[in-house]
Amino acid sequence: MTPAQIKLKRTESILQELVPEGITQLNDARLHELDVIEVVCSRGRSDAKIYLDPHDYTEKERNFFMSQLSKAGPFIENYCMADQGWFKSPKFTFVFDDQLKKSQKVEDLFKSISDRNKGESDES
C-alpha cells in the first residue's frame, strides 16, 4: 500500500468517526438517528461520499434527511476541520446505501432458483 493510499484510508477512518459526532451536534434530533455505514474519499481527498444506513425510511423521510443534511453539510465539514486541525475538509455528499437491499434481493433470487431446481430434481 502506497503512502497516498494509507493517508486516504486514514482520512476515511477519521471521517467515519467524526461525521456521526458532527451530526449529533446539530439541533434537529431527527438527524441523530442516522447511522454512517461507510465513508469513501476521492483520490485527492477533496470529496467524500458519506453512506448512510437506509433502515426502513420512506421516500419522504429520505428526502427530508437529504435536504437537512445538504444544509448542514458545511457545519459538519467545519466540525471535522476544527477537530482535526485541518486546513480544509472534503466536500461531503450524503447518500443512502441501498446496496444491502440489492444484495438481499439477489440472494433471495438465487434461493428461489435453488428451491425450484430442487423441486424439479425431486419430481424426476
C-alpha atoms as a PDB file:
ATOM      1  CA  MET A   1       0.000   0.000   0.000  1.00  0.00           C
ATOM      2  CA  THR A   2       1.426   3.362  -1.005  1.00  0.00           C
ATOM      3  CA  PRO A   3       1.694   6.299   1.404  1.00  0.00           C
ATOM      4  CA  ALA A   4      -1.064   8.114  -0.504  1.00  0.00           C
ATOM      5  CA  GLN A   5      -3.400   5.144  -0.085  1.00  0.00           C
ATOM      6  CA  ILE A   6      -2.581   4.999   3.616  1.00  0.00           C
ATOM      7  CA  LYS A   7      -3.417   8.702   4.013  1.00  0.00           C
ATOM      8  CA  LEU A   8      -6.679   8.172   2.134  1.00  0.00           C
ATOM      9  CA  LYS A   9      -7.705   5.238   4.352  1.00  0.00           C
ATOM     10  CA  ARG A  10      -6.730   7.192   7.472  1.00  0.00           C
ATOM     11  CA  THR A  11      -8.856  10.151   6.368  1.00  0.00           C
ATOM     12  CA  GLU A  12     -11.814   7.860   5.644  1.00  0.00           C
ATOM     13  CA  SER A  13     -11.438   6.234   9.052  1.00  0.00           C
ATOM     14  CA  ILE A  14     -11.279   9.592  10.847  1.00  0.00           C
ATOM     15  CA  LEU A  15     -14.324  10.870   8.963  1.00  0.00           C
ATOM     16  CA  GLN A  16     -16.220   7.662   9.769  1.00  0.00           C
ATOM     17  CA  GLU A  17     -15.937   8.633  13.428  1.00  0.00           C
ATOM     18  CA  LEU A  18     -16.281  12.407  13.128  1.00  0.00           C
ATOM     19  CA  VAL A  19     -19.295  12.687  10.802  1.00  0.00           C
ATOM     20  CA  PRO A  20     -21.692  10.946  13.236  1.00  0.00           C
ATOM     21  CA  GLU A  21     -20.329  13.174  16.023  1.00  0.00           C
ATOM     22  CA  GLY A  22     -20.929  16.226  13.837  1.00  0.00           C
ATOM     23  CA  ILE A  23     -24.467  15.083  13.082  1.00  0.00           C
ATOM     24  CA  THR A  24     -25.202  14.762  16.801  1.00  0.00           C
ATOM     25  CA  GLN A  25     -24.106  18.388  17.261  1.00  0.00           C
ATOM     26  CA  LEU A  26     -26.995  19.528  15.051  1.00  0.00           C
ATOM     27  CA  ASN A  27     -30.156  20.912  16.646  1.00  0.00           C
ATOM     28  CA  ASP A  28     -32.507  18.585  14.741  1.00  0.00           C
ATOM     29  CA  ALA A  29     -32.884  15.456  16.884  1.00  0.00           C
ATOM     30  CA  ARG A  30     -34.366  13.503  13.956  1.00  0.00           C
ATOM     31  CA  LEU A  31     -30.966  13.544  12.263  1.00  0.00           C
ATOM     32  CA  HIS A  32     -29.295  11.982  15.310  1.00  0.00           C
ATOM     33  CA  GLU A  33     -30.790   8.586  14.454  1.00  0.00           C
ATOM     34  CA  LEU A  34     -28.889   8.393  11.142  1.00  0.00           C
ATOM     35  CA  ASP A  35     -26.105   5.814  11.033  1.00  0.00           C
ATOM     36  CA  VAL A  36     -22.993   6.245   8.907  1.00  0.00           C
ATOM     37  CA  ILE A  37     -22.094   2.968   7.224  1.00  0.00           C
ATOM     38  CA  GLU A  38     -19.063   3.979   5.217  1.00  0.00           C
ATOM     39  CA  VAL A  39     -17.056   6.978   4.072  1.00  0.00           C
ATOM     40  CA  VAL A  40     -15.329   6.930   0.689  1.00  0.00           C
ATOM     41  CA  CYS A  41     -12.986   9.783  -0.205  1.00  0.00           C
ATOM     42  CA  SER A  42     -11.859  10.721  -3.684  1.00  0.00           C
ATOM     43  CA  ARG A  43      -8.221  10.123  -4.501  1.00  0.00           C
ATOM     44  CA  GLY A  44      -7.286  13.735  -3.804  1.00  0.00           C
ATOM     45  CA  ARG A  45      -9.412  13.774  -0.630  1.00  0.00           C
ATOM     46  CA  SER A  46     -11.318  16.807  -1.891  1.00  0.00           C
ATOM     47  CA  ASP A  47     -14.674  14.987  -1.913  1.00  0.00           C
ATOM     48  CA  ALA A  48     -16.147  12.383   0.398  1.00  0.00           C
ATOM     49  CA  LYS A  49     -19.243  10.256  -0.071  1.00  0.00           C
ATOM     50  CA  ILE A  50     -20.967   9.508   3.212  1.00  0.00           C
ATOM     51  CA  TYR A  51     -23.069   6.335   3.001  1.00  0.00           C
ATOM     52  CA  LEU A  52     -25.994   6.233   5.420  1.00  0.00           C
ATOM     53  CA  ASP A  53     -27.989   3.245   6.628  1.00  0.00           C
ATOM     54  CA  PRO A  54     -31.419   3.401   4.939  1.00  0.00           C
ATOM     55  CA  HIS A  55     -33.236   1.443   7.696  1.00  0.00           C
ATOM     56  CA  ASP A  56     -36.892   1.403   6.614  1.00  0.00           C
ATOM     57  CA  TYR A  57     -37.257   5.087   5.877  1.00  0.00           C
ATOM     58  CA  THR A  58     -39.942   6.128   3.423  1.00  0.00           C
ATOM     59  CA  GLU A  59     -39.038   8.148   0.362  1.00  0.00           C
ATOM     60  CA  LYS A  60     -40.483  11.245   2.049  1.00  0.00           C
ATOM     61  CA  GLU A  61     -38.280  10.729   5.121  1.00  0.00           C
ATOM     62  CA  ARG A  62     -35.219  10.169   2.955  1.00  0.00           C
ATOM     63  CA  ASN A  63     -35.872  13.367   1.036  1.00  0.00           C
ATOM     64  CA  PHE A  64     -36.255  15.253   4.313  1.00  0.00           C
ATOM     65  CA  PHE A  65     -32.967  13.859   5.650  1.00  0.00           C
ATOM     66  CA  MET A  66     -31.156  14.686   2.415  1.00  0.00           C
ATOM     67  CA  SER A  67     -32.413  18.274   2.391  1.00  0.00           C
ATOM     68  CA  GLN A  68     -31.416  18.761   6.037  1.00  0.00           C
ATOM     69  CA  LEU A  69     -28.001  17.181   5.516  1.00  0.00           C
ATOM     70  CA  SER A  70     -27.297  19.279   2.430  1.00  0.00           C
ATOM     71  CA  LYS A  71     -27.956  22.380   4.539  1.00  0.00           C
ATOM     72  CA  ALA A  72     -25.914  21.056   7.474  1.00  0.00           C
ATOM     73  CA  GLY A  73     -23.023  19.754   5.332  1.00  0.00           C
ATOM     74  CA  PRO A  74     -20.821  22.844   5.751  1.00  0.00           C
ATOM     75  CA  PHE A  75     -21.351  22.786   9.533  1.00  0.00           C
ATOM     76  CA  ILE A  76     -20.300  19.125   9.700  1.00  0.00           C
ATOM     77  CA  GLU A  77     -17.290  19.862   7.470  1.00  0.00           C
ATOM     78  CA  ASN A  78     -16.246  22.703   9.799  1.00  0.00           C
ATOM     79  CA  TYR A  79     -16.709  20.421  12.790  1.00  0.00           C
ATOM     80  CA  CYS A  80     -14.327  17.863  11.238  1.00  0.00           C
ATOM     81  CA  MET A  81     -11.786  20.561  10.298  1.00  0.00           C
ATOM     82  CA  ALA A  82     -11.805  22.038  13.798  1.00  0.00           C
ATOM     83  CA  ASP A  83     -11.493  18.653  15.481  1.00  0.00           C
ATOM     84  CA  GLN A  84      -8.535  17.531  13.365  1.00  0.00           C
ATOM     85  CA  GLY A  85      -6.894  20.910  12.796  1.00  0.00           C
ATOM     86  CA  TRP A  86      -7.159  20.510   9.048  1.00  0.00           C
ATOM     87  CA  PHE A  87      -6.761  23.454   6.682  1.00  0.00           C
ATOM     88  CA  LYS A  88      -9.701  22.211   4.614  1.00  0.00           C
ATOM     89  CA  SER A  89     -12.197  19.399   4.739  1.00  0.00           C
ATOM     90  CA  PRO A  90     -13.512  17.208   1.929  1.00  0.00           C
ATOM     91  CA  LYS A  91     -16.821  18.300   0.424  1.00  0.00           C
ATOM     92  CA  PHE A  92     -19.440  15.885   1.742  1.00  0.00           C
ATOM     93  CA  THR A  93     -22.069  14.144  -0.335  1.00  0.00           C
ATOM     94  CA  PHE A  94     -24.626  12.159   1.649  1.00  0.00           C
ATOM     95  CA  VAL A  95     -26.155   9.033   0.106  1.00  0.00           C
ATOM     96  CA  PHE A  96     -28.416   6.303   1.452  1.00  0.00           C
ATOM     97  CA  ASP A  97     -26.724   2.953   0.863  1.00  0.00           C
ATOM     98  CA  ASP A  98     -29.194   0.606  -0.803  1.00  0.00           C
ATOM     99  CA  GLN A  99     -26.530  -1.993  -1.568  1.00  0.00           C
ATOM    100  CA  LEU A 100     -27.683  -4.253   1.270  1.00  0.00           C
ATOM    101  CA  LYS A 101     -31.238  -4.376  -0.095  1.00  0.00           C
ATOM    102  CA  LYS A 102     -29.937  -5.097  -3.595  1.00  0.00           C
ATOM    103  CA  SER A 103     -27.710  -7.921  -2.383  1.00  0.00           C
ATOM    104  CA  GLN A 104     -30.601  -9.329  -0.329  1.00  0.00           C
ATOM    105  CA  LYS A 105     -32.791  -9.373  -3.454  1.00  0.00           C
ATOM    106  CA  VAL A 106     -30.063 -11.198  -5.386  1.00  0.00           C
ATOM    107  CA  GLU A 107     -29.687 -13.751  -2.574  1.00  0.00           C
ATOM    108  CA  ASP A 108     -33.463 -14.272  -2.476  1.00  0.00           C
ATOM    109  CA  LEU A 109     -33.467 -14.776  -6.246  1.00  0.00           C
ATOM    110  CA  PHE A 110     -30.699 -17.392  -6.040  1.00  0.00           C
ATOM    111  CA  LYS A 111     -32.528 -19.128  -3.188  1.00  0.00           C
ATOM    112  CA  SER A 112     -35.767 -19.301  -5.185  1.00  0.00           C
ATOM    113  CA  ILE A 113     -33.888 -20.689  -8.198  1.00  0.00           C
ATOM    114  CA  SER A 114     -32.219 -23.264  -5.961  1.00  0.00           C
ATOM    115  CA  ASP A 115     -35.553 -24.248  -4.413  1.00  0.00           C
ATOM    116  CA  ARG A 116     -37.158 -24.532  -7.842  1.00  0.00           C
ATOM    117  CA  ASN A 117     -34.297 -26.698  -9.131  1.00  0.00           C
ATOM    118  CA  LYS A 118     -34.590 -28.948  -6.068  1.00  0.00           C
ATOM    119  CA  GLY A 119     -38.308 -29.356  -6.694  1.00  0.00           C
ATOM    120  CA  GLU A 120     -37.727 -30.284 -10.335  1.00  0.00           C
ATOM    121  CA  SER A 121     -34.993 -32.809  -9.451  1.00  0.00           C
ATOM    122  CA  ASP A 122     -37.254 -34.428  -6.819  1.00  0.00           C
ATOM    123  CA  GLU A 123     -40.005 -34.909  -9.425  1.00  0.00           C
ATOM    124  CA  SER A 124     -37.641 -36.712 -11.821  1.00  0.00           C
END
